[in-house]
């Protein structure tokens, strides 16, 4: 009886030892993976910081003004671009006569759901 008990105890100790050995290496592997993920997070945070700095530089108003003057053919509004109200379409007939406006068409506002609901209830 003692031989079988000792053998059973030895087998149980061996299985438990192997389980602890395997568990230890699994934990080490998970800790390595966690450290790697933390390094990736830090690297990406640094990249985001650099990108934000570049974005701030690229959107600097003085720099954008120089680029716009260099690459865009924008010109100030001249008197030849201003027309009389009578030359505009009938949609602008409600405006007072004799007021000069720019010859750029203004889009009509789209009705909202709230405005549509109010019209339907009246």
PDB file of N, CA and C in Angstrom:
ATOM      1  N   UNK A   1       0.810  -1.189   0.000  1.00  0.00           N
ATOM      2  CA  UNK A   1       0.000   0.000   0.000  1.00  0.00           C
ATOM      3  C   UNK A   1       0.855   1.257   0.000  1.00  0.00           C
ATOM      4  N   UNK A   2       1.931   1.231   0.755  1.00  0.00           N
ATOM      5  CA  UNK A   2       2.777   2.413   0.854  1.00  0.00           C
ATOM      6  C   UNK A   2       3.459   2.662  -0.493  1.00  0.00           C
ATOM      7  N   UNK A   3       3.773   1.647  -1.209  1.00  0.00           N
ATOM      8  CA  UNK A   3       4.422   1.787  -2.510  1.00  0.00           C
ATOM      9  C   UNK A   3       3.495   2.455  -3.521  1.00  0.00           C
ATOM     10  N   UNK A   4       2.233   2.010  -3.490  1.00  0.00           N
ATOM     11  CA  UNK A   4       1.272   2.630  -4.422  1.00  0.00           C
ATOM     12  C   UNK A   4       1.013   4.084  -4.045  1.00  0.00           C
ATOM     13  N   UNK A   5       0.904   4.391  -2.769  1.00  0.00           N
ATOM     14  CA  UNK A   5       0.676   5.766  -2.305  1.00  0.00           C
ATOM     15  C   UNK A   5       1.848   6.669  -2.657  1.00  0.00           C
ATOM     16  N   UNK A   6       3.053   6.140  -2.479  1.00  0.00           N
ATOM     17  CA  UNK A   6       4.245   6.927  -2.800  1.00  0.00           C
ATOM     18  C   UNK A   6       4.328   7.167  -4.303  1.00  0.00           C
ATOM     19  N   UNK A   7       4.004   6.125  -5.079  1.00  0.00           N
ATOM     20  CA  UNK A   7       4.006   6.263  -6.530  1.00  0.00           C
ATOM     21  C   UNK A   7       2.959   7.275  -6.981  1.00  0.00           C
ATOM     22  N   UNK A   8       1.780   7.199  -6.398  1.00  0.00           N
ATOM     23  CA  UNK A   8       0.713   8.158  -6.720  1.00  0.00           C
ATOM     24  C   UNK A   8       1.135   9.571  -6.324  1.00  0.00           C
ATOM     25  N   UNK A   9       1.734   9.742  -5.166  1.00  0.00           N
ATOM     26  CA  UNK A   9       2.200  11.041  -4.711  1.00  0.00           C
ATOM     27  C   UNK A   9       3.289  11.576  -5.634  1.00  0.00           C
ATOM     28  N   UNK A  10       4.221  10.716  -6.049  1.00  0.00           N
ATOM     29  CA  UNK A  10       5.282  11.115  -6.960  1.00  0.00           C
ATOM     30  C   UNK A  10       4.706  11.540  -8.319  1.00  0.00           C
ATOM     31  N   UNK A  11       3.740  10.788  -8.816  1.00  0.00           N
ATOM     32  CA  UNK A  11       3.104  11.136 -10.095  1.00  0.00           C
ATOM     33  C   UNK A  11       2.367  12.467  -9.983  1.00  0.00           C
ATOM     34  N   UNK A  12       1.662  12.653  -8.878  1.00  0.00           N
ATOM     35  CA  UNK A  12       0.938  13.904  -8.659  1.00  0.00           C
ATOM     36  C   UNK A  12       1.909  15.079  -8.552  1.00  0.00           C
ATOM     37  N   UNK A  13       3.034  14.888  -7.867  1.00  0.00           N
ATOM     38  CA  UNK A  13       4.049  15.928  -7.743  1.00  0.00           C
ATOM     39  C   UNK A  13       4.663  16.248  -9.106  1.00  0.00           C
ATOM     40  N   UNK A  14       4.887  15.228  -9.928  1.00  0.00           N
ATOM     41  CA  UNK A  14       5.466  15.446 -11.257  1.00  0.00           C
ATOM     42  C   UNK A  14       4.497  16.217 -12.147  1.00  0.00           C
ATOM     43  N   UNK A  15       3.226  15.843 -12.121  1.00  0.00           N
ATOM     44  CA  UNK A  15       2.217  16.545 -12.929  1.00  0.00           C
ATOM     45  C   UNK A  15       2.076  17.998 -12.468  1.00  0.00           C
ATOM     46  N   UNK A  16       2.074  18.195 -11.150  1.00  0.00           N
ATOM     47  CA  UNK A  16       1.962  19.543 -10.606  1.00  0.00           C
ATOM     48  C   UNK A  16       3.200  20.363 -10.966  1.00  0.00           C
ATOM     49  N   UNK A  17       4.364  19.770 -10.868  1.00  0.00           N
ATOM     50  CA  UNK A  17       5.606  20.470 -11.230  1.00  0.00           C
ATOM     51  C   UNK A  17       5.614  20.869 -12.691  1.00  0.00           C
ATOM     52  N   UNK A  18       5.203  19.934 -13.570  1.00  0.00           N
ATOM     53  CA  UNK A  18       5.140  20.253 -14.996  1.00  0.00           C
ATOM     54  C   UNK A  18       4.131  21.365 -15.255  1.00  0.00           C
ATOM     55  N   UNK A  19       2.994  21.312 -14.583  1.00  0.00           N
ATOM     56  CA  UNK A  19       1.977  22.358 -14.742  1.00  0.00           C
ATOM     57  C   UNK A  19       2.507  23.724 -14.308  1.00  0.00           C
ATOM     58  N   UNK A  20       3.217  23.767 -13.186  1.00  0.00           N
ATOM     59  CA  UNK A  20       3.799  25.024 -12.713  1.00  0.00           C
ATOM     60  C   UNK A  20       4.877  25.517 -13.672  1.00  0.00           C
ATOM     61  N   UNK A  21       5.678  24.608 -14.191  1.00  0.00           N
ATOM     62  CA  UNK A  21       6.716  24.947 -15.166  1.00  0.00           C
ATOM     63  C   UNK A  21       6.079  25.566 -16.413  1.00  0.00           C
ATOM     64  N   UNK A  22       5.049  24.908 -16.923  1.00  0.00           N
ATOM     65  CA  UNK A  22       4.359  25.395 -18.117  1.00  0.00           C
ATOM     66  C   UNK A  22       3.698  26.740 -17.838  1.00  0.00           C
ATOM     67  N   UNK A  23       3.055  26.890 -16.693  1.00  0.00           N
ATOM     68  CA  UNK A  23       2.391  28.129 -16.315  1.00  0.00           C
ATOM     69  C   UNK A  23       3.394  29.269 -16.193  1.00  0.00           C
ATOM     70  N   UNK A  24       4.550  28.986 -15.636  1.00  0.00           N
ATOM     71  CA  UNK A  24       5.588  30.009 -15.487  1.00  0.00           C
ATOM     72  C   UNK A  24       6.030  30.526 -16.854  1.00  0.00           C
ATOM     73  N   UNK A  25       6.263  29.627 -17.787  1.00  0.00           N
ATOM     74  CA  UNK A  25       6.698  30.059 -19.107  1.00  0.00           C
ATOM     75  C   UNK A  25       5.566  30.746 -19.881  1.00  0.00           C
ATOM     76  N   UNK A  26       4.339  30.354 -19.661  1.00  0.00           N
ATOM     77  CA  UNK A  26       3.216  31.072 -20.278  1.00  0.00           C
ATOM     78  C   UNK A  26       3.136  32.499 -19.751  1.00  0.00           C
ATOM     79  N   UNK A  27       3.324  32.671 -18.452  1.00  0.00           N
ATOM     80  CA  UNK A  27       3.291  34.011 -17.854  1.00  0.00           C
ATOM     81  C   UNK A  27       4.447  34.853 -18.388  1.00  0.00           C
ATOM     82  N   UNK A  28       5.625  34.270 -18.502  1.00  0.00           N
ATOM     83  CA  UNK A  28       6.775  34.998 -19.046  1.00  0.00           C
ATOM     84  C   UNK A  28       6.489  35.432 -20.484  1.00  0.00           C
ATOM     85  N   UNK A  29       5.902  34.542 -21.271  1.00  0.00           N
ATOM     86  CA  UNK A  29       5.571  34.880 -22.662  1.00  0.00           C
ATOM     87  C   UNK A  29       4.550  36.012 -22.707  1.00  0.00           C
ATOM     88  N   UNK A  30       3.547  35.962 -21.835  1.00  0.00           N
ATOM     89  CA  UNK A  30       2.552  37.029 -21.794  1.00  0.00           C
ATOM     90  C   UNK A  30       3.164  38.357 -21.342  1.00  0.00           C
ATOM     91  N   UNK A  31       4.099  38.306 -20.396  1.00  0.00           N
ATOM     92  CA  UNK A  31       4.769  39.530 -19.959  1.00  0.00           C
ATOM     93  C   UNK A  31       5.621  40.122 -21.077  1.00  0.00           C
ATOM     94  N   UNK A  32       6.269  39.262 -21.851  1.00  0.00           N
ATOM     95  CA  UNK A  32       7.041  39.743 -23.003  1.00  0.00           C
ATOM     96  C   UNK A  32       6.119  40.399 -24.030  1.00  0.00           C
ATOM     97  N   UNK A  33       4.975  39.780 -24.279  1.00  0.00           N
ATOM     98  CA  UNK A  33       4.013  40.343 -25.225  1.00  0.00           C
ATOM     99  C   UNK A  33       3.489  41.684 -24.715  1.00  0.00           C
ATOM    100  N   UNK A  34       3.222  41.783 -23.416  1.00  0.00           N
ATOM    101  CA  UNK A  34       2.755  43.035 -22.824  1.00  0.00           C
ATOM    102  C   UNK A  34       3.811  44.128 -22.961  1.00  0.00           C
ATOM    103  N   UNK A  35       5.062  43.784 -22.722  1.00  0.00           N
ATOM    104  CA  UNK A  35       6.147  44.761 -22.860  1.00  0.00           C
ATOM    105  C   UNK A  35       6.268  45.223 -24.314  1.00  0.00           C
ATOM    106  N   UNK A  36       6.116  44.298 -25.243  1.00  0.00           N
ATOM    107  CA  UNK A  36       6.176  44.648 -26.657  1.00  0.00           C
ATOM    108  C   UNK A  36       5.022  45.571 -27.030  1.00  0.00           C
ATOM    109  N   UNK A  37       3.823  45.284 -26.561  1.00  0.00           N
ATOM    110  CA  UNK A  37       2.665  46.149 -26.844  1.00  0.00           C
ATOM    111  C   UNK A  37       2.862  47.544 -26.241  1.00  0.00           C
ATOM    112  N   UNK A  38       3.423  47.599 -25.034  1.00  0.00           N
ATOM    113  CA  UNK A  38       3.680  48.896 -24.407  1.00  0.00           C
ATOM    114  C   UNK A  38       4.700  49.702 -25.215  1.00  0.00           C
ATOM    115  N   UNK A  39       5.722  49.020 -25.758  1.00  0.00           N
ATOM    116  CA  UNK A  39       6.687  49.719 -26.610  1.00  0.00           C
ATOM    117  C   UNK A  39       6.011  50.226 -27.885  1.00  0.00           C
ATOM    118  N   UNK A  40       5.105  49.425 -28.460  1.00  0.00           N
ATOM    119  CA  UNK A  40       4.374  49.865 -29.649  1.00  0.00           C
ATOM    120  C   UNK A  40       3.511  51.076 -29.336  1.00  0.00           C
ATOM    121  N   UNK A  41       2.852  51.062 -28.191  1.00  0.00           N
ATOM    122  CA  UNK A  41       2.004  52.196 -27.795  1.00  0.00           C
ATOM    123  C   UNK A  41       2.844  53.454 -27.656  1.00  0.00           C
ATOM    124  N   UNK A  42       3.998  53.349 -26.991  1.00  0.00           N
ATOM    125  CA  UNK A  42       4.865  54.514 -26.832  1.00  0.00           C
ATOM    126  C   UNK A  42       5.367  55.028 -28.179  1.00  0.00           C
ATOM    127  N   UNK A  43       5.729  54.113 -29.069  1.00  0.00           N
ATOM    128  CA  UNK A  43       6.203  54.523 -30.390  1.00  0.00           C
ATOM    129  C   UNK A  43       5.094  55.236 -31.163  1.00  0.00           C
ATOM    130  N   UNK A  44       3.881  54.730 -31.079  1.00  0.00           N
ATOM    131  CA  UNK A  44       2.768  55.369 -31.777  1.00  0.00           C
ATOM    132  C   UNK A  44       2.407  56.709 -31.156  1.00  0.00           C
ATOM    133  N   UNK A  45       2.516  56.827 -29.835  1.00  0.00           N
ATOM    134  CA  UNK A  45       2.266  58.119 -29.190  1.00  0.00           C
ATOM    135  C   UNK A  45       3.306  59.144 -29.627  1.00  0.00           C
ATOM    136  N   UNK A  46       4.552  58.729 -29.744  1.00  0.00           N
ATOM    137  CA  UNK A  46       5.586  59.635 -30.237  1.00  0.00           C
ATOM    138  C   UNK A  46       5.327  60.031 -31.686  1.00  0.00           C
ATOM    139  N   UNK A  47       4.886  59.088 -32.496  1.00  0.00           N
ATOM    140  CA  UNK A  47       4.567  59.393 -33.898  1.00  0.00           C
ATOM    141  C   UNK A  47       3.403  60.374 -33.974  1.00  0.00           C
ATOM    142  N   UNK A  48       2.407  60.196 -33.134  1.00  0.00           N
ATOM    143  CA  UNK A  48       1.265  61.118 -33.105  1.00  0.00           C
ATOM    144  C   UNK A  48       1.733  62.510 -32.704  1.00  0.00           C
ATOM    145  N   UNK A  49       2.634  62.580 -31.733  1.00  0.00           N
ATOM    146  CA  UNK A  49       3.169  63.870 -31.296  1.00  0.00           C
ATOM    147  C   UNK A  49       3.894  64.568 -32.448  1.00  0.00           C
ATOM    148  N   UNK A  50       4.689  63.820 -33.188  1.00  0.00           N
ATOM    149  CA  UNK A  50       5.408  64.389 -34.332  1.00  0.00           C
ATOM    150  C   UNK A  50       4.422  64.846 -35.403  1.00  0.00           C
ATOM    151  N   UNK A  51       3.406  64.039 -35.674  1.00  0.00           N
ATOM    152  CA  UNK A  51       2.417  64.407 -36.693  1.00  0.00           C
ATOM    153  C   UNK A  51       1.641  65.660 -36.291  1.00  0.00           C
ATOM    154  N   UNK A  52       1.319  65.795 -35.009  1.00  0.00           N
ATOM    155  CA  UNK A  52       0.626  67.009 -34.550  1.00  0.00           C
ATOM    156  C   UNK A  52       1.513  68.238 -34.722  1.00  0.00           C
ATOM    157  N   UNK A  53       2.806  68.092 -34.444  1.00  0.00           N
ATOM    158  CA  UNK A  53       3.729  69.211 -34.637  1.00  0.00           C
ATOM    159  C   UNK A  53       3.823  69.582 -36.122  1.00  0.00           C
ATOM    160  N   UNK A  54       3.900  68.583 -36.993  1.00  0.00           N
ATOM    161  CA  UNK A  54       3.937  68.849 -38.435  1.00  0.00           C
ATOM    162  C   UNK A  54       2.646  69.513 -38.898  1.00  0.00           C
ATOM    163  N   UNK A  55       1.511  69.058 -38.382  1.00  0.00           N
ATOM    164  CA  UNK A  55       0.219  69.634 -38.759  1.00  0.00           C
ATOM    165  C   UNK A  55       0.144  71.099 -38.331  1.00  0.00           C
ATOM    166  N   UNK A  56       0.641  71.399 -37.127  1.00  0.00           N
ATOM    167  CA  UNK A  56       0.647  72.781 -36.653  1.00  0.00           C
ATOM    168  C   UNK A  56       1.521  73.645 -37.556  1.00  0.00           C
ATOM    169  N   UNK A  57       2.659  73.128 -37.979  1.00  0.00           N
ATOM    170  CA  UNK A  57       3.529  73.884 -38.876  1.00  0.00           C
ATOM    171  C   UNK A  57       2.870  74.089 -40.236  1.00  0.00           C
ATOM    172  N   UNK A  58       2.285  73.032 -40.779  1.00  0.00           N
ATOM    173  CA  UNK A  58       1.691  73.123 -42.113  1.00  0.00           C
ATOM    174  C   UNK A  58       0.478  74.048 -42.141  1.00  0.00           C
ATOM    175  N   UNK A  59      -0.224  74.204 -41.037  1.00  0.00           N
ATOM    176  CA  UNK A  59      -1.407  75.043 -40.990  1.00  0.00           C
ATOM    177  C   UNK A  59      -1.138  76.431 -40.424  1.00  0.00           C
ATOM    178  N   UNK A  60       0.107  76.811 -40.332  1.00  0.00           N
ATOM    179  CA  UNK A  60       0.445  78.149 -39.849  1.00  0.00           C
ATOM    180  C   UNK A  60      -0.107  79.181 -40.835  1.00  0.00           C
ATOM    181  N   UNK A  61      -0.883  80.164 -40.365  1.00  0.00           N
ATOM    182  CA  UNK A  61      -1.529  81.114 -41.269  1.00  0.00           C
ATOM    183  C   UNK A  61      -0.564  81.873 -42.176  1.00  0.00           C
ATOM    184  N   UNK A  62       0.578  82.297 -41.670  1.00  0.00           N
ATOM    185  CA  UNK A  62       1.529  83.026 -42.513  1.00  0.00           C
ATOM    186  C   UNK A  62       2.048  82.169 -43.646  1.00  0.00           C
ATOM    187  N   UNK A  63       2.339  80.922 -43.356  1.00  0.00           N
ATOM    188  CA  UNK A  63       2.816  79.996 -44.386  1.00  0.00           C
ATOM    189  C   UNK A  63       1.736  79.729 -45.422  1.00  0.00           C
ATOM    190  N   UNK A  64       0.497  79.545 -44.964  1.00  0.00           N
ATOM    191  CA  UNK A  64      -0.606  79.301 -45.898  1.00  0.00           C
ATOM    192  C   UNK A  64      -0.854  80.519 -46.790  1.00  0.00           C
ATOM    193  N   UNK A  65      -0.687  81.717 -46.236  1.00  0.00           N
ATOM    194  CA  UNK A  65      -0.885  82.913 -47.041  1.00  0.00           C
ATOM    195  C   UNK A  65       0.164  82.991 -48.147  1.00  0.00           C
ATOM    196  N   UNK A  66       1.415  82.705 -47.818  1.00  0.00           N
ATOM    197  CA  UNK A  66       2.483  82.722 -48.827  1.00  0.00           C
ATOM    198  C   UNK A  66       2.196  81.682 -49.908  1.00  0.00           C
ATOM    199  N   UNK A  67       1.778  80.488 -49.520  1.00  0.00           N
ATOM    200  CA  UNK A  67       1.467  79.446 -50.502  1.00  0.00           C
ATOM    201  C   UNK A  67       0.274  79.825 -51.368  1.00  0.00           C
ATOM    202  N   UNK A  68      -0.739  80.430 -50.764  1.00  0.00           N
ATOM    203  CA  UNK A  68      -1.914  80.842 -51.534  1.00  0.00           C
ATOM    204  C   UNK A  68      -1.542  81.908 -52.548  1.00  0.00           C
ATOM    205  N   UNK A  69      -0.713  82.849 -52.133  1.00  0.00           N
ATOM    206  CA  UNK A  69      -0.296  83.897 -53.077  1.00  0.00           C
ATOM    207  C   UNK A  69       0.550  83.313 -54.204  1.00  0.00           C
ATOM    208  N   UNK A  70       1.350  82.304 -53.905  1.00  0.00           N
ATOM    209  CA  UNK A  70       2.222  81.719 -54.907  1.00  0.00           C
ATOM    210  C   UNK A  70       1.475  80.816 -55.876  1.00  0.00           C
ATOM    211  N   UNK A  71       0.533  80.008 -55.385  1.00  0.00           N
ATOM    212  CA  UNK A  71      -0.064  78.963 -56.219  1.00  0.00           C
ATOM    213  C   UNK A  71      -1.495  79.240 -56.664  1.00  0.00           C
ATOM    214  N   UNK A  72      -2.218  80.105 -55.992  1.00  0.00           N
ATOM    215  CA  UNK A  72      -3.595  80.384 -56.364  1.00  0.00           C
ATOM    216  C   UNK A  72      -3.658  81.707 -57.102  1.00  0.00           C
ATOM    217  N   UNK A  73      -4.474  81.750 -58.105  1.00  0.00           N
ATOM    218  CA  UNK A  73      -4.610  82.981 -58.892  1.00  0.00           C
ATOM    219  C   UNK A  73      -5.807  83.772 -58.364  1.00  0.00           C
ATOM    220  N   UNK A  74      -5.754  84.146 -57.112  1.00  0.00           N
ATOM    221  CA  UNK A  74      -6.834  84.914 -56.508  1.00  0.00           C
ATOM    222  C   UNK A  74      -6.583  86.401 -56.728  1.00  0.00           C
ATOM    223  N   UNK A  75      -7.648  87.108 -57.053  1.00  0.00           N
ATOM    224  CA  UNK A  75      -7.535  88.543 -57.290  1.00  0.00           C
ATOM    225  C   UNK A  75      -8.625  89.240 -56.492  1.00  0.00           C
ATOM    226  N   UNK A  76      -8.383  90.502 -56.102  1.00  0.00           N
ATOM    227  CA  UNK A  76      -9.408  91.214 -55.340  1.00  0.00           C
ATOM    228  C   UNK A  76     -10.643  91.488 -56.194  1.00  0.00           C
ATOM    229  N   UNK A  77     -11.756  91.732 -55.544  1.00  0.00           N
ATOM    230  CA  UNK A  77     -13.014  92.020 -56.214  1.00  0.00           C
ATOM    231  C   UNK A  77     -12.919  93.360 -56.903  1.00  0.00           C
ATOM    232  N   UNK A  78     -13.216  93.379 -58.199  1.00  0.00           N
ATOM    233  CA  UNK A  78     -13.153  94.625 -58.971  1.00  0.00           C
ATOM    234  C   UNK A  78     -14.554  95.078 -59.313  1.00  0.00           C
ATOM    235  N   UNK A  79     -14.672  96.294 -59.795  1.00  0.00           N
ATOM    236  CA  UNK A  79     -15.975  96.856 -60.138  1.00  0.00           C
ATOM    237  C   UNK A  79     -16.629  96.108 -61.294  1.00  0.00           C
ATOM    238  N   UNK A  80     -15.847  95.470 -62.130  1.00  0.00           N
ATOM    239  CA  UNK A  80     -16.424  94.738 -63.267  1.00  0.00           C
ATOM    240  C   UNK A  80     -17.128  93.470 -62.816  1.00  0.00           C
ATOM    241  N   UNK A  81     -16.865  93.029 -61.609  1.00  0.00           N
ATOM    242  CA  UNK A  81     -17.508  91.819 -61.101  1.00  0.00           C
ATOM    243  C   UNK A  81     -18.772  92.140 -60.324  1.00  0.00           C
ATOM    244  N   UNK A  82     -19.128  93.425 -60.206  1.00  0.00           N
ATOM    245  CA  UNK A  82     -20.336  93.841 -59.502  1.00  0.00           C
ATOM    246  C   UNK A  82     -21.369  94.199 -60.550  1.00  0.00           C
ATOM    247  N   UNK A  83     -22.592  93.690 -60.418  1.00  0.00           N
ATOM    248  CA  UNK A  83     -23.653  93.943 -61.393  1.00  0.00           C
ATOM    249  C   UNK A  83     -24.858  94.541 -60.699  1.00  0.00           C
ATOM    250  N   UNK A  84     -25.746  95.092 -61.481  1.00  0.00           N
ATOM    251  CA  UNK A  84     -26.983  95.675 -60.948  1.00  0.00           C
ATOM    252  C   UNK A  84     -27.951  94.552 -60.600  1.00  0.00           C
ATOM    253  N   UNK A  85     -28.880  94.860 -59.716  1.00  0.00           N
ATOM    254  CA  UNK A  85     -29.872  93.870 -59.290  1.00  0.00           C
ATOM    255  C   UNK A  85     -30.756  93.432 -60.450  1.00  0.00           C
ATOM    256  N   UNK A  86     -31.023  94.335 -61.379  1.00  0.00           N
ATOM    257  CA  UNK A  86     -31.904  93.980 -62.493  1.00  0.00           C
ATOM    258  C   UNK A  86     -31.286  92.912 -63.387  1.00  0.00           C
ATOM    259  N   UNK A  87     -29.981  92.757 -63.342  1.00  0.00           N
ATOM    260  CA  UNK A  87     -29.316  91.755 -64.171  1.00  0.00           C
ATOM    261  C   UNK A  87     -29.371  90.376 -63.545  1.00  0.00           C
ATOM    262  N   UNK A  88     -29.790  90.283 -62.296  1.00  0.00           N
ATOM    263  CA  UNK A  88     -29.849  88.993 -61.616  1.00  0.00           C
ATOM    264  C   UNK A  88     -31.158  88.284 -61.916  1.00  0.00           C
ATOM    265  N   UNK A  89     -31.262  87.039 -61.533  1.00  0.00           N
ATOM    266  CA  UNK A  89     -32.460  86.247 -61.798  1.00  0.00           C
ATOM    267  C   UNK A  89     -33.635  86.762 -60.980  1.00  0.00           C
ATOM    268  N   UNK A  90     -34.821  86.254 -61.285  1.00  0.00           N
ATOM    269  CA  UNK A  90     -36.038  86.707 -60.603  1.00  0.00           C
ATOM    270  C   UNK A  90     -36.098  86.253 -59.153  1.00  0.00           C
ATOM    271  N   UNK A  91     -35.257  85.349 -58.758  1.00  0.00           N
ATOM    272  CA  UNK A  91     -35.250  84.898 -57.371  1.00  0.00           C
ATOM    273  C   UNK A  91     -34.788  86.009 -56.444  1.00  0.00           C
ATOM    274  N   UNK A  92     -34.046  86.976 -56.971  1.00  0.00           N
ATOM    275  CA  UNK A  92     -33.548  88.079 -56.159  1.00  0.00           C
ATOM    276  C   UNK A  92     -34.403  89.339 -56.326  1.00  0.00           C
ATOM    277  N   UNK A  93     -35.597  89.243 -56.900  1.00  0.00           N
ATOM    278  CA  UNK A  93     -36.443  90.412 -57.124  1.00  0.00           C
ATOM    279  C   UNK A  93     -36.901  91.053 -55.821  1.00  0.00           C
ATOM    280  N   UNK A  94     -36.910  90.339 -54.731  1.00  0.00           N
ATOM    281  CA  UNK A  94     -37.362  90.891 -53.459  1.00  0.00           C
ATOM    282  C   UNK A  94     -36.345  91.861 -52.870  1.00  0.00           C
ATOM    283  N   UNK A  95     -35.114  91.856 -53.335  1.00  0.00           N
ATOM    284  CA  UNK A  95     -34.083  92.763 -52.825  1.00  0.00           C
ATOM    285  C   UNK A  95     -34.334  94.176 -53.332  1.00  0.00           C
ATOM    286  N   UNK A  96     -33.919  95.204 -52.593  1.00  0.00           N
ATOM    287  CA  UNK A  96     -34.137  96.588 -53.031  1.00  0.00           C
ATOM    288  C   UNK A  96     -33.355  96.889 -54.291  1.00  0.00           C
ATOM    289  N   UNK A  97     -33.930  97.712 -55.151  1.00  0.00           N
ATOM    290  CA  UNK A  97     -33.311  98.073 -56.434  1.00  0.00           C
ATOM    291  C   UNK A  97     -32.171  99.058 -56.209  1.00  0.00           C
ATOM    292  N   UNK A  98     -31.199  99.017 -57.107  1.00  0.00           N
ATOM    293  CA  UNK A  98     -30.119  99.973 -57.065  1.00  0.00           C
ATOM    294  C   UNK A  98     -28.962  99.568 -56.171  1.00  0.00           C
ATOM    295  N   UNK A  99     -29.047  98.418 -55.509  1.00  0.00           N
ATOM    296  CA  UNK A  99     -27.955  97.960 -54.651  1.00  0.00           C
ATOM    297  C   UNK A  99     -27.083  97.026 -55.481  1.00  0.00           C
ATOM    298  N   UNK A 100     -25.812  97.318 -55.533  1.00  0.00           N
ATOM    299  CA  UNK A 100     -24.896  96.486 -56.297  1.00  0.00           C
ATOM    300  C   UNK A 100     -24.472  95.293 -55.447  1.00  0.00           C
ATOM    301  N   UNK A 101     -24.505  94.107 -56.059  1.00  0.00           N
ATOM    302  CA  UNK A 101     -24.092  92.895 -55.370  1.00  0.00           C
ATOM    303  C   UNK A 101     -23.104  92.154 -56.237  1.00  0.00           C
ATOM    304  N   UNK A 102     -22.359  91.272 -55.642  1.00  0.00           N
ATOM    305  CA  UNK A 102     -21.409  90.453 -56.398  1.00  0.00           C
ATOM    306  C   UNK A 102     -22.171  89.508 -57.309  1.00  0.00           C
ATOM    307  N   UNK A 103     -21.575  89.180 -58.431  1.00  0.00           N
ATOM    308  CA  UNK A 103     -22.225  88.337 -59.420  1.00  0.00           C
ATOM    309  C   UNK A 103     -22.038  86.859 -59.109  1.00  0.00           C
ATOM    310  N   UNK A 104     -21.991  86.512 -57.856  1.00  0.00           N
ATOM    311  CA  UNK A 104     -21.845  85.121 -57.443  1.00  0.00           C
ATOM    312  C   UNK A 104     -23.203  84.631 -56.976  1.00  0.00           C
ATOM    313  N   UNK A 105     -23.754  83.568 -57.577  1.00  0.00           N
ATOM    314  CA  UNK A 105     -25.075  83.094 -57.150  1.00  0.00           C
ATOM    315  C   UNK A 105     -25.028  82.562 -55.723  1.00  0.00           C
ATOM    316  N   UNK A 106     -26.068  82.851 -54.991  1.00  0.00           N
ATOM    317  CA  UNK A 106     -26.172  82.397 -53.607  1.00  0.00           C
ATOM    318  C   UNK A 106     -27.150  81.236 -53.579  1.00  0.00           C
ATOM    319  N   UNK A 107     -26.738  80.077 -53.061  1.00  0.00           N
ATOM    320  CA  UNK A 107     -27.659  78.933 -53.027  1.00  0.00           C
ATOM    321  C   UNK A 107     -28.771  79.163 -52.018  1.00  0.00           C
ATOM    322  N   UNK A 108     -29.943  78.624 -52.354  1.00  0.00           N
ATOM    323  CA  UNK A 108     -31.072  78.735 -51.432  1.00  0.00           C
ATOM    324  C   UNK A 108     -30.868  77.769 -50.271  1.00  0.00           C
ATOM    325  N   UNK A 109     -31.256  78.176 -49.053  1.00  0.00           N
ATOM    326  CA  UNK A 109     -31.101  77.259 -47.921  1.00  0.00           C
ATOM    327  C   UNK A 109     -32.047  76.074 -48.049  1.00  0.00           C
ATOM    328  N   UNK A 110     -31.583  74.931 -47.610  1.00  0.00           N
ATOM    329  CA  UNK A 110     -32.410  73.726 -47.657  1.00  0.00           C
ATOM    330  C   UNK A 110     -33.358  73.737 -46.465  1.00  0.00           C
ATOM    331  N   UNK A 111     -34.601  73.332 -46.674  1.00  0.00           N
ATOM    332  CA  UNK A 111     -35.531  73.318 -45.534  1.00  0.00           C
ATOM    333  C   UNK A 111     -35.137  72.235 -44.534  1.00  0.00           C
ATOM    334  N   UNK A 112     -35.259  72.560 -43.273  1.00  0.00           N
ATOM    335  CA  UNK A 112     -34.957  71.601 -42.226  1.00  0.00           C
ATOM    336  C   UNK A 112     -36.194  70.821 -41.855  1.00  0.00           C
ATOM    337  N   UNK A 113     -36.026  69.770 -41.093  1.00  0.00           N
ATOM    338  CA  UNK A 113     -37.169  68.969 -40.659  1.00  0.00           C
ATOM    339  C   UNK A 113     -38.090  69.781 -39.758  1.00  0.00           C
ATOM    340  N   UNK A 114     -37.496  70.635 -38.915  1.00  0.00           N
ATOM    341  CA  UNK A 114     -38.320  71.449 -38.022  1.00  0.00           C
ATOM    342  C   UNK A 114     -39.164  72.423 -38.824  1.00  0.00           C
ATOM    343  N   UNK A 115     -38.582  73.039 -39.868  1.00  0.00           N
ATOM    344  CA  UNK A 115     -39.326  73.977 -40.703  1.00  0.00           C
ATOM    345  C   UNK A 115     -40.406  73.231 -41.486  1.00  0.00           C
ATOM    346  N   UNK A 116     -40.108  72.052 -41.958  1.00  0.00           N
ATOM    347  CA  UNK A 116     -41.088  71.262 -42.710  1.00  0.00           C
ATOM    348  C   UNK A 116     -42.245  70.867 -41.798  1.00  0.00           C
ATOM    349  N   UNK A 117     -41.952  70.542 -40.559  1.00  0.00           N
ATOM    350  CA  UNK A 117     -43.006  70.174 -39.610  1.00  0.00           C
ATOM    351  C   UNK A 117     -43.887  71.365 -39.268  1.00  0.00           C
ATOM    352  N   UNK A 118     -43.295  72.546 -39.167  1.00  0.00           N
ATOM    353  CA  UNK A 118     -44.079  73.747 -38.871  1.00  0.00           C
ATOM    354  C   UNK A 118     -44.990  74.108 -40.034  1.00  0.00           C
ATOM    355  N   UNK A 119     -44.486  73.939 -41.279  1.00  0.00           N
ATOM    356  CA  UNK A 119     -45.314  74.240 -42.438  1.00  0.00           C
ATOM    357  C   UNK A 119     -46.502  73.284 -42.531  1.00  0.00           C
ATOM    358  N   UNK A 120     -46.263  72.046 -42.169  1.00  0.00           N
ATOM    359  CA  UNK A 120     -47.334  71.059 -42.268  1.00  0.00           C
ATOM    360  C   UNK A 120     -48.425  71.267 -41.227  1.00  0.00           C
ATOM    361  N   UNK A 121     -48.093  71.890 -40.100  1.00  0.00           N
ATOM    362  CA  UNK A 121     -49.095  72.075 -39.045  1.00  0.00           C
ATOM    363  C   UNK A 121     -49.870  73.362 -39.219  1.00  0.00           C
ATOM    364  N   UNK A 122     -49.431  74.274 -40.079  1.00  0.00           N
ATOM    365  CA  UNK A 122     -50.143  75.544 -40.244  1.00  0.00           C
ATOM    366  C   UNK A 122     -51.271  75.435 -41.215  1.00  0.00           C
TER     367      UNK A 122
END
